[in-house]
Amino acid sequence: MSAASKSRPASQARTGTTKSVLYGPETETSFISPYALGGDAETSEALDSRSRAELGRRPLEPSSPPRDTLLNGYRSLSWLLGFRQSYSLVNGVIWGGALIGFCLARSFTMNVSRTPSLLVPGEWFWLSAPIYKVNIFIHIYLTTIGGIFSVFQFFPAIRRKNVLLHRLNGKFLTLRVCDPAHGMPKGYGVLFCLVVGNICGAIVARRSIGGELNVQSAYYILAIMVVYSGLLGAYYVKRDTRLHRRWMLRMVVYFSTIVTARLIVLAAREIVTMIGTYYSIWRCDEIINLLESPDVQNSFPQCVAPGANASALWVAVHASTKRGPLYLASSVRATLGGHLPVVPDLLTYNLAGMCLWIATLMHMAGVEYYLYQTDASNQVRFGFVLEPLDWVEEDIKS
């Protein structure tokens, strides 16, 4: 403060107002110059002390607008993973998280001693045969590992900043095909874990969920879709990155169809239980394997009748989630495979593997819609990542 200001007389003291705008309406705060009270240092110090005391009693107004912590965290995580669109991380969390979660949840079946108790009741009766036993464990191990690691192939940040990790993960999932003439790697063939795992699963489908034809056909179609998509995706890996991305996405989405089918089964089996008129077909030796002798005699006397051939006799089992393992398994067969609904005129008819077919159609439509929506954002290849047409190299450095 200058000497002229210190010697200003009290008669020249000024009063006024200040305007404060804190992200809201303007507010006026009156102030009095210390010189209005005599201008001496002691008076000024006393006024300053009183002003500080009054400010201490006032609620402090925010100095900045409140931040949406959740939204900012979402944007930061999306940017770290390399996603450009706001919805991409949601898709990754929902669909990729569902696939990883399902694989982890079913990883307990990798324990050979626990597998029979973790399958649908009655399935181990067939899968314990040598041809199915070997294939079911190959299917479980390869699809569990492949399903978990395949999700990380779709994070753009890995391809932008650590392409070696993307390659190593891809090589872990792939099987190299050699040129017969030179014995050298010619390119990438099939996605080993998922393709071989699905082929083994198709073999097991002969007896899966009772081996009903609708279930078999659904599993065979899914296996063909996964293998075909994987082969084309590997074929285009160095020829056309856009087509490589499309077919790899299709492969993983088709592969995860079984996750959606299981969710539909959870709801559908409760619905058929409430309706109460649905049955599935079981062979008598399957029932004898699940039930104690008195229960078989009481509920299915024809299976233990004198001279009955249990391996050639079939009976209808009520579909219900409330009557024990046999009837619970029947509800799964009724919704996932074929079933016999009892109608008033006593006519019966077979229906398709409802849950598998519905889930397959949902995934086919969903992945094509996603590819259509994101096509404009995947036009130009830079390194190992597809970028939009208006993208410039500086964007990745900012």
Protein backbone atom coordinates (compact mmCIF):
# COMPACT_ATOMS: atom_id res chain seq x y z
CA MET A 1 0.00 0.00 0.00
CA SER A 2 1.38 3.43 -0.96
CA ALA A 3 2.03 6.26 1.48
CA ALA A 4 -0.69 8.34 -0.19
CA SER A 5 -3.22 5.66 0.56
CA LYS A 6 -2.16 5.42 4.20
CA SER A 7 -2.59 9.17 4.72
CA ARG A 8 -6.07 9.31 3.18
CA PRO A 9 -8.40 11.20 5.62
CA ALA A 10 -11.51 9.60 7.07
CA SER A 11 -13.70 12.09 5.21
CA GLN A 12 -12.54 10.53 1.96
CA ALA A 13 -13.37 7.02 3.08
CA ARG A 14 -15.43 5.08 0.60
CA THR A 15 -18.06 2.46 0.96
CA GLY A 16 -19.35 0.14 -1.73
CA THR A 17 -20.36 -3.36 -2.71
CA THR A 18 -18.72 -6.33 -4.37
CA LYS A 19 -20.47 -8.81 -6.57
CA SER A 20 -19.82 -12.50 -6.13
CA VAL A 21 -20.95 -15.07 -8.67
CA LEU A 22 -20.55 -18.66 -7.47
CA TYR A 23 -22.22 -20.66 -10.25
CA GLY A 24 -25.55 -19.10 -9.36
CA PRO A 25 -27.29 -15.72 -8.95
CA GLU A 26 -25.13 -12.72 -8.29
CA THR A 27 -24.92 -11.72 -4.62
CA GLU A 28 -23.86 -8.34 -3.25
CA THR A 29 -21.60 -8.04 -0.21
CA SER A 30 -21.22 -4.63 1.50
CA PHE A 31 -17.81 -3.51 2.61
CA ILE A 32 -16.54 -0.51 4.58
CA SER A 33 -13.11 0.84 4.11
CA PRO A 34 -11.01 0.85 7.27
CA TYR A 35 -10.45 4.57 6.75
CA ALA A 36 -14.15 5.22 7.48
CA LEU A 37 -13.41 4.30 11.10
CA GLY A 38 -10.42 6.53 11.51
CA GLY A 39 -7.92 4.88 9.25
CA ASP A 40 -5.53 3.86 12.03
CA ALA A 41 -3.86 0.44 12.07
CA GLU A 42 -5.51 -0.72 15.31
CA THR A 43 -9.03 -0.06 13.98
CA SER A 44 -8.21 -1.78 10.72
CA GLU A 45 -6.88 -4.83 12.58
CA ALA A 46 -9.98 -5.00 14.77
CA LEU A 47 -12.22 -4.80 11.70
CA ASP A 48 -10.27 -7.55 10.01
CA SER A 49 -10.62 -9.78 13.09
CA ARG A 50 -14.38 -9.20 13.23
CA SER A 51 -14.73 -9.90 9.50
CA ARG A 52 -12.84 -13.17 9.86
CA ALA A 53 -15.04 -14.19 12.77
CA GLU A 54 -18.20 -13.47 10.77
CA LEU A 55 -16.89 -15.45 7.83
CA GLY A 56 -16.19 -18.36 10.15
CA ARG A 57 -19.86 -18.44 11.17
CA ARG A 58 -21.13 -18.37 7.59
CA PRO A 59 -21.56 -21.59 5.58
CA LEU A 60 -18.91 -21.71 2.90
CA GLU A 61 -20.23 -21.78 -0.62
CA PRO A 62 -18.66 -24.25 -3.06
CA SER A 63 -15.85 -22.85 -5.09
CA SER A 64 -16.52 -25.21 -7.99
CA PRO A 65 -19.54 -27.07 -9.34
CA PRO A 66 -20.10 -30.58 -7.91
CA ARG A 67 -18.53 -33.27 -10.03
CA ASP A 68 -20.24 -36.44 -11.11
CA THR A 69 -17.67 -38.85 -9.74
CA LEU A 70 -19.30 -41.92 -11.23
CA LEU A 71 -19.51 -40.42 -14.72
CA ASN A 72 -15.94 -39.15 -14.60
CA GLY A 73 -14.73 -42.53 -13.42
CA TYR A 74 -16.60 -44.24 -16.26
CA ARG A 75 -15.07 -41.89 -18.83
CA SER A 76 -11.59 -42.36 -17.41
CA LEU A 77 -11.87 -46.14 -17.45
CA SER A 78 -13.29 -46.08 -20.96
CA TRP A 79 -10.39 -43.93 -22.14
CA LEU A 80 -7.80 -46.13 -20.42
CA LEU A 81 -9.18 -49.21 -22.18
CA GLY A 82 -9.10 -47.35 -25.50
CA PHE A 83 -12.82 -47.09 -26.24
CA ARG A 84 -13.88 -44.03 -28.25
CA GLN A 85 -17.66 -44.37 -27.99
CA SER A 86 -19.41 -43.92 -24.67
CA TYR A 87 -21.43 -47.13 -25.07
CA SER A 88 -18.47 -49.38 -25.88
CA LEU A 89 -17.41 -49.87 -22.27
CA VAL A 90 -20.99 -50.74 -21.29
CA ASN A 91 -21.06 -53.39 -24.00
CA GLY A 92 -17.70 -54.71 -22.87
CA VAL A 93 -18.73 -54.90 -19.23
CA ILE A 94 -22.12 -56.51 -19.91
CA TRP A 95 -21.23 -59.02 -22.61
CA GLY A 96 -17.56 -59.59 -21.91
CA GLY A 97 -18.21 -59.65 -18.18
CA ALA A 98 -21.05 -62.12 -18.63
CA LEU A 99 -18.83 -64.45 -20.65
CA ILE A 100 -15.96 -64.28 -18.16
CA GLY A 101 -18.36 -64.68 -15.25
CA PHE A 102 -19.98 -67.73 -16.81
CA CYS A 103 -16.61 -69.33 -17.55
CA LEU A 104 -15.42 -68.71 -14.00
CA ALA A 105 -18.68 -70.02 -12.55
CA ARG A 106 -18.40 -73.22 -14.59
CA SER A 107 -14.68 -73.60 -13.93
CA PHE A 108 -15.55 -75.80 -10.95
CA THR A 109 -16.42 -78.53 -13.46
CA MET A 110 -12.71 -78.65 -14.33
CA ASN A 111 -12.34 -80.61 -11.10
CA VAL A 112 -12.81 -84.16 -12.36
CA SER A 113 -14.08 -85.46 -9.03
CA ARG A 114 -16.81 -82.81 -8.83
CA THR A 115 -17.97 -82.81 -12.43
CA PRO A 116 -20.73 -85.46 -12.08
CA SER A 117 -22.43 -83.55 -9.25
CA LEU A 118 -22.23 -80.20 -11.08
CA LEU A 119 -23.92 -81.35 -14.27
CA VAL A 120 -27.67 -81.49 -14.84
CA PRO A 121 -29.02 -84.55 -12.98
CA GLY A 122 -28.98 -87.58 -15.23
CA GLU A 123 -26.39 -86.29 -17.70
CA TRP A 124 -23.47 -88.19 -16.19
CA PHE A 125 -25.32 -91.43 -16.90
CA TRP A 126 -24.42 -90.94 -20.56
CA LEU A 127 -21.30 -88.78 -20.30
CA SER A 128 -19.48 -91.33 -18.14
CA ALA A 129 -19.00 -93.47 -21.26
CA PRO A 130 -15.35 -93.26 -22.46
CA ILE A 131 -16.07 -91.52 -25.77
CA TYR A 132 -18.10 -88.78 -24.10
CA LYS A 133 -16.02 -88.55 -20.93
CA VAL A 134 -12.85 -87.59 -22.80
CA ASN A 135 -14.63 -85.06 -24.99
CA ILE A 136 -16.58 -83.41 -22.18
CA PHE A 137 -13.38 -82.63 -20.27
CA ILE A 138 -11.60 -81.35 -23.38
CA HIS A 139 -14.66 -79.19 -24.04
CA ILE A 140 -14.76 -77.87 -20.47
CA TYR A 141 -11.06 -77.05 -20.25
CA LEU A 142 -10.57 -75.47 -23.67
CA THR A 143 -13.78 -73.43 -23.78
CA THR A 144 -13.29 -72.14 -20.23
CA ILE A 145 -9.75 -70.95 -20.93
CA GLY A 146 -10.54 -69.69 -24.43
CA GLY A 147 -13.68 -67.88 -23.29
CA ILE A 148 -11.84 -65.95 -20.59
CA PHE A 149 -8.84 -64.90 -22.69
CA SER A 150 -10.80 -64.10 -25.84
CA VAL A 151 -12.46 -61.10 -24.18
CA PHE A 152 -9.13 -59.29 -23.78
CA GLN A 153 -8.56 -59.40 -27.54
CA PHE A 154 -11.20 -56.69 -27.98
CA PHE A 155 -9.63 -53.99 -25.78
CA PRO A 156 -8.28 -51.28 -28.15
CA ALA A 157 -5.74 -50.09 -25.59
CA ILE A 158 -3.93 -53.43 -25.75
CA ARG A 159 -3.60 -53.19 -29.52
CA ARG A 160 -2.60 -49.51 -29.42
CA LYS A 161 -0.03 -49.58 -26.65
CA ASN A 162 0.91 -53.23 -26.16
CA VAL A 163 0.39 -55.06 -29.42
CA LEU A 164 2.81 -57.77 -28.25
CA LEU A 165 0.33 -58.77 -25.56
CA HIS A 166 -2.42 -58.91 -28.18
CA ARG A 167 -0.28 -61.16 -30.35
CA LEU A 168 0.77 -63.43 -27.50
CA ASN A 169 -2.81 -63.81 -26.36
CA GLY A 170 -3.87 -64.50 -29.93
CA LYS A 171 -1.11 -67.06 -30.41
CA PHE A 172 -2.14 -68.72 -27.18
CA LEU A 173 -5.65 -69.04 -28.57
CA THR A 174 -4.56 -70.04 -32.06
CA LEU A 175 -2.99 -72.99 -33.79
CA ARG A 176 -0.41 -72.27 -36.47
CA VAL A 177 -0.91 -73.94 -39.82
CA CYS A 178 2.30 -74.96 -41.58
CA ASP A 179 3.02 -74.89 -45.27
CA PRO A 180 3.49 -78.56 -46.23
CA ALA A 181 6.07 -77.65 -48.88
CA HIS A 182 8.39 -75.74 -46.56
CA GLY A 183 7.37 -76.76 -43.06
CA MET A 184 7.21 -73.12 -42.02
CA PRO A 185 4.32 -71.26 -40.42
CA LYS A 186 2.16 -70.00 -43.25
CA GLY A 187 -0.40 -68.19 -41.19
CA TYR A 188 -2.91 -68.52 -38.46
CA GLY A 189 -5.46 -71.27 -38.85
CA VAL A 190 -8.19 -71.87 -36.30
CA LEU A 191 -8.67 -70.50 -32.82
CA PHE A 192 -7.46 -73.60 -31.07
CA CYS A 193 -9.18 -73.41 -27.72
CA LEU A 194 -12.60 -72.33 -28.92
CA VAL A 195 -12.74 -74.34 -32.13
CA VAL A 196 -11.44 -77.63 -30.75
CA GLY A 197 -13.51 -77.13 -27.61
CA ASN A 198 -16.66 -76.61 -29.66
CA ILE A 199 -15.97 -79.66 -31.83
CA CYS A 200 -15.66 -81.78 -28.69
CA GLY A 201 -18.84 -80.18 -27.40
CA ALA A 202 -20.63 -81.15 -30.60
CA ILE A 203 -19.62 -84.77 -30.00
CA VAL A 204 -21.01 -84.60 -26.47
CA ALA A 205 -24.22 -83.04 -27.83
CA ARG A 206 -25.27 -86.51 -28.97
CA ARG A 207 -26.25 -87.22 -25.34
CA SER A 208 -26.42 -83.72 -23.83
CA ILE A 209 -29.71 -82.87 -22.06
CA GLY A 210 -31.09 -86.28 -23.01
CA GLY A 211 -29.83 -86.23 -26.60
CA GLU A 212 -33.09 -84.91 -28.02
CA LEU A 213 -32.84 -84.11 -31.74
CA ASN A 214 -33.69 -80.44 -31.32
CA VAL A 215 -30.89 -80.05 -28.78
CA GLN A 216 -28.44 -81.89 -31.01
CA SER A 217 -29.26 -79.77 -34.04
CA ALA A 218 -28.95 -76.53 -32.03
CA TYR A 219 -25.53 -77.51 -30.68
CA TYR A 220 -24.33 -78.65 -34.10
CA ILE A 221 -25.43 -75.38 -35.71
CA LEU A 222 -23.67 -73.37 -32.99
CA ALA A 223 -20.47 -75.39 -33.39
CA ILE A 224 -20.50 -74.82 -37.16
CA MET A 225 -21.09 -71.08 -36.69
CA VAL A 226 -18.21 -70.75 -34.21
CA VAL A 227 -15.76 -72.80 -36.29
CA TYR A 228 -16.68 -71.05 -39.54
CA SER A 229 -16.36 -67.57 -38.00
CA GLY A 230 -13.03 -68.46 -36.39
CA LEU A 231 -11.60 -69.78 -39.65
CA LEU A 232 -12.60 -66.68 -41.59
CA GLY A 233 -11.36 -64.38 -38.83
CA ALA A 234 -7.96 -66.08 -38.87
CA TYR A 235 -7.88 -65.97 -42.67
CA TYR A 236 -8.38 -62.19 -42.74
CA VAL A 237 -5.99 -61.37 -39.89
CA LYS A 238 -3.32 -60.02 -42.30
CA ARG A 239 -5.50 -59.46 -45.35
CA ASP A 240 -8.32 -57.22 -44.17
CA THR A 241 -8.42 -55.93 -40.60
CA ARG A 242 -12.04 -54.84 -40.87
CA LEU A 243 -13.21 -58.31 -41.90
CA HIS A 244 -10.95 -59.86 -39.27
CA ARG A 245 -12.66 -57.77 -36.59
CA ARG A 246 -16.13 -58.64 -37.88
CA TRP A 247 -15.60 -62.39 -37.90
CA MET A 248 -13.82 -62.48 -34.56
CA LEU A 249 -16.69 -60.58 -32.96
CA ARG A 250 -19.16 -62.97 -34.54
CA MET A 251 -17.23 -65.98 -33.29
CA VAL A 252 -17.13 -64.84 -29.67
CA VAL A 253 -20.78 -63.71 -29.72
CA TYR A 254 -21.91 -67.04 -31.19
CA PHE A 255 -19.77 -68.87 -28.66
CA SER A 256 -21.46 -67.04 -25.78
CA THR A 257 -24.95 -68.04 -26.97
CA ILE A 258 -25.03 -70.79 -24.36
CA VAL A 259 -24.80 -68.16 -21.60
CA THR A 260 -28.03 -66.52 -22.77
CA ALA A 261 -29.65 -69.93 -23.24
CA ARG A 262 -28.90 -70.81 -19.61
CA LEU A 263 -30.50 -67.57 -18.44
CA ILE A 264 -33.61 -68.28 -20.51
CA VAL A 265 -33.75 -71.79 -19.02
CA LEU A 266 -33.82 -70.35 -15.48
CA ALA A 267 -36.97 -68.40 -16.30
CA ALA A 268 -38.56 -70.96 -18.62
CA ARG A 269 -38.37 -73.89 -16.22
CA GLU A 270 -40.18 -71.88 -13.54
CA ILE A 271 -42.87 -70.98 -16.08
CA VAL A 272 -43.45 -74.60 -17.13
CA THR A 273 -43.55 -75.56 -13.45
CA MET A 274 -46.33 -73.02 -12.84
CA ILE A 275 -48.26 -74.27 -15.87
CA GLY A 276 -47.86 -77.83 -14.61
CA THR A 277 -48.72 -79.73 -17.80
CA TYR A 278 -45.29 -80.22 -19.36
CA TYR A 279 -43.37 -83.49 -19.53
CA SER A 280 -40.08 -84.70 -21.02
CA ILE A 281 -39.21 -88.18 -22.21
CA TRP A 282 -36.75 -90.31 -20.22
CA ARG A 283 -35.45 -93.81 -20.69
CA CYS A 284 -36.12 -96.13 -17.77
CA ASP A 285 -32.47 -96.90 -17.09
CA GLU A 286 -31.83 -93.15 -16.69
CA ILE A 287 -34.59 -92.96 -14.09
CA ILE A 288 -33.34 -96.03 -12.23
CA ASN A 289 -29.91 -94.40 -12.11
CA LEU A 290 -31.34 -91.32 -10.36
CA LEU A 291 -34.07 -92.72 -8.09
CA GLU A 292 -34.08 -95.27 -5.30
CA SER A 293 -35.94 -98.52 -5.93
CA PRO A 294 -39.06 -97.64 -3.86
CA ASP A 295 -39.42 -94.32 -5.68
CA VAL A 296 -39.12 -95.99 -9.06
CA GLN A 297 -41.71 -98.58 -8.05
CA ASN A 298 -44.15 -95.92 -6.86
CA SER A 299 -43.74 -93.37 -9.66
CA PHE A 300 -42.71 -95.48 -12.67
CA PRO A 301 -43.81 -99.08 -12.04
CA GLN A 302 -43.54 -99.95 -15.73
CA CYS A 303 -39.75 -99.49 -15.53
CA VAL A 304 -39.37 -102.27 -12.94
CA ALA A 305 -42.16 -104.52 -14.13
CA PRO A 306 -41.23 -108.20 -14.63
CA GLY A 307 -39.63 -108.69 -18.04
CA ALA A 308 -39.28 -104.95 -18.71
CA ASN A 309 -36.20 -103.88 -20.69
CA ALA A 310 -35.13 -100.65 -18.99
CA SER A 311 -32.85 -99.65 -21.88
CA ALA A 312 -35.67 -99.88 -24.42
CA LEU A 313 -38.57 -98.45 -22.43
CA TRP A 314 -39.38 -94.73 -22.35
CA VAL A 315 -41.65 -92.86 -19.95
CA ALA A 316 -42.87 -89.27 -19.53
CA VAL A 317 -41.48 -87.39 -16.52
CA HIS A 318 -43.31 -84.35 -15.16
CA ALA A 319 -41.34 -81.09 -15.53
CA SER A 320 -41.13 -79.36 -12.16
CA THR A 321 -38.50 -77.52 -10.14
CA LYS A 322 -40.15 -78.43 -6.83
CA ARG A 323 -40.15 -82.24 -6.75
CA GLY A 324 -36.52 -83.35 -6.71
CA PRO A 325 -33.53 -83.80 -9.04
CA LEU A 326 -35.30 -86.01 -11.59
CA TYR A 327 -38.16 -83.58 -12.10
CA LEU A 328 -35.80 -80.59 -12.05
CA ALA A 329 -33.77 -82.20 -14.83
CA SER A 330 -37.02 -82.88 -16.66
CA SER A 331 -37.86 -79.16 -16.52
CA VAL A 332 -34.45 -78.39 -18.07
CA ARG A 333 -35.05 -80.91 -20.83
CA ALA A 334 -38.53 -79.55 -21.42
CA THR A 335 -37.30 -75.98 -21.90
CA LEU A 336 -33.88 -76.58 -23.47
CA GLY A 337 -34.83 -79.56 -25.56
CA GLY A 338 -38.03 -81.23 -26.68
CA HIS A 339 -41.06 -81.69 -24.45
CA LEU A 340 -44.58 -83.04 -24.43
CA PRO A 341 -47.28 -80.59 -23.30
CA VAL A 342 -50.50 -82.29 -22.24
CA VAL A 343 -53.46 -80.64 -23.99
CA PRO A 344 -57.18 -81.12 -23.28
CA ASP A 345 -57.79 -83.29 -26.33
CA LEU A 346 -54.94 -85.63 -25.28
CA LEU A 347 -52.89 -84.78 -28.38
CA THR A 348 -49.16 -84.44 -27.83
CA TYR A 349 -46.53 -82.86 -30.04
CA ASN A 350 -42.83 -82.10 -29.92
CA LEU A 351 -41.52 -78.54 -29.78
CA ALA A 352 -38.10 -77.27 -30.78
CA GLY A 353 -35.22 -76.64 -28.39
CA MET A 354 -36.78 -73.35 -27.44
CA CYS A 355 -34.10 -71.74 -25.32
CA LEU A 356 -31.18 -72.63 -27.57
CA TRP A 357 -32.87 -71.42 -30.72
CA ILE A 358 -34.13 -68.19 -29.16
CA ALA A 359 -30.68 -67.42 -27.76
CA THR A 360 -29.05 -68.16 -31.13
CA LEU A 361 -31.36 -65.79 -32.97
CA MET A 362 -30.84 -63.08 -30.34
CA HIS A 363 -27.06 -63.28 -30.64
CA MET A 364 -27.10 -63.33 -34.43
CA ALA A 365 -29.28 -60.22 -34.57
CA GLY A 366 -27.37 -58.48 -31.78
CA VAL A 367 -23.90 -58.85 -33.25
CA GLU A 368 -25.02 -57.74 -36.72
CA TYR A 369 -26.69 -54.65 -35.25
CA TYR A 370 -23.54 -53.81 -33.29
CA LEU A 371 -21.34 -54.23 -36.37
CA TYR A 372 -23.66 -51.96 -38.35
CA GLN A 373 -23.67 -49.29 -35.64
CA THR A 374 -19.88 -49.27 -35.23
CA ASP A 375 -18.92 -49.55 -38.89
CA ALA A 376 -18.31 -45.80 -39.26
CA SER A 377 -15.86 -45.87 -36.33
CA ASN A 378 -13.75 -48.65 -37.84
CA GLN A 379 -12.71 -47.43 -41.27
CA VAL A 380 -8.98 -46.66 -41.28
CA ARG A 381 -6.27 -48.97 -40.00
CA PHE A 382 -3.47 -47.40 -37.97
CA GLY A 383 -1.07 -50.00 -36.66
CA PHE A 384 -3.33 -52.75 -35.34
CA VAL A 385 -6.35 -50.58 -34.56
CA LEU A 386 -9.23 -49.41 -36.74
CA GLU A 387 -10.03 -45.70 -36.50
CA PRO A 388 -12.78 -43.45 -37.96
CA LEU A 389 -12.29 -41.62 -41.26
CA ASP A 390 -11.68 -38.23 -39.60
CA TRP A 391 -9.07 -39.64 -37.24
CA VAL A 392 -5.56 -38.15 -37.21
CA GLU A 393 -2.44 -39.58 -35.62
CA GLU A 394 -2.21 -36.77 -33.10
CA ASP A 395 -5.46 -37.94 -31.49
CA ILE A 396 -3.76 -40.98 -30.06
CA LYS A 397 -0.99 -38.88 -28.53
CA SER A 398 -3.25 -36.37 -26.82
